[in-house]
């Protein structure tokens, strides 16, 4: 993964960064939000992109 396209995903429940993903900055202007399995919580929660 390229560093300039890398996005950190933070759990909205426990506020921990548990996932990393890549995104196209030219096509996606808004922040990314995905429903992922949080390792800390142990359940599927919405994850939002952080800086």
Protein backbone atom coordinates (compact mmCIF):
# COMPACT_ATOMS: atom_id res chain seq x y z
CA UNK A 1 0.00 0.00 0.00
CA UNK A 2 1.21 3.44 -0.87
CA UNK A 3 1.58 5.87 2.05
CA UNK A 4 -0.25 8.73 0.31
CA UNK A 5 -3.38 6.58 -0.24
CA UNK A 6 -3.34 4.99 3.22
CA UNK A 7 -6.29 5.69 5.55
CA UNK A 8 -6.57 4.80 9.25
CA UNK A 9 -9.96 3.53 10.40
CA UNK A 10 -10.98 4.25 14.01
CA UNK A 11 -13.73 2.39 15.86
CA UNK A 12 -16.58 4.73 16.81
CA UNK A 13 -17.32 2.77 20.00
CA UNK A 14 -13.91 2.29 21.65
CA UNK A 15 -11.98 4.99 19.68
CA UNK A 16 -9.08 2.67 18.79
CA UNK A 17 -7.39 2.48 15.38
CA UNK A 18 -7.87 -1.15 14.39
CA UNK A 19 -7.77 -1.18 10.56
CA UNK A 20 -5.86 0.40 7.67
CA UNK A 21 -7.12 0.65 4.11
CA UNK A 22 -6.31 2.40 0.84
CA UNK A 23 -8.57 4.85 -0.95
CA UNK A 24 -8.64 6.94 -4.11
CA UNK A 25 -8.43 10.58 -3.00
CA UNK A 26 -9.52 11.88 -6.42
CA UNK A 27 -12.84 9.99 -6.39
CA UNK A 28 -13.66 10.03 -2.67
CA UNK A 29 -13.78 13.58 -1.34
CA UNK A 30 -15.54 12.78 1.96
CA UNK A 31 -14.14 10.71 4.80
CA UNK A 32 -14.54 6.97 4.53
CA UNK A 33 -16.91 5.07 6.86
CA UNK A 34 -17.07 1.26 6.85
CA UNK A 35 -18.62 -1.36 9.10
CA UNK A 36 -15.75 -3.61 10.25
CA UNK A 37 -15.04 -6.14 12.98
CA UNK A 38 -13.29 -4.39 15.87
CA UNK A 39 -10.60 -6.53 17.51
CA UNK A 40 -10.92 -4.68 20.83
CA UNK A 41 -14.76 -4.67 21.07
CA UNK A 42 -15.25 -8.12 19.53
CA UNK A 43 -18.23 -7.05 17.37
CA UNK A 44 -19.05 -5.32 14.09
CA UNK A 45 -19.04 -1.54 14.55
CA UNK A 46 -18.84 1.47 12.21
CA UNK A 47 -15.28 2.65 11.63
CA UNK A 48 -14.51 6.21 10.47
CA UNK A 49 -11.42 7.49 8.73
CA UNK A 50 -9.01 9.57 10.81
CA UNK A 51 -6.04 11.74 9.86
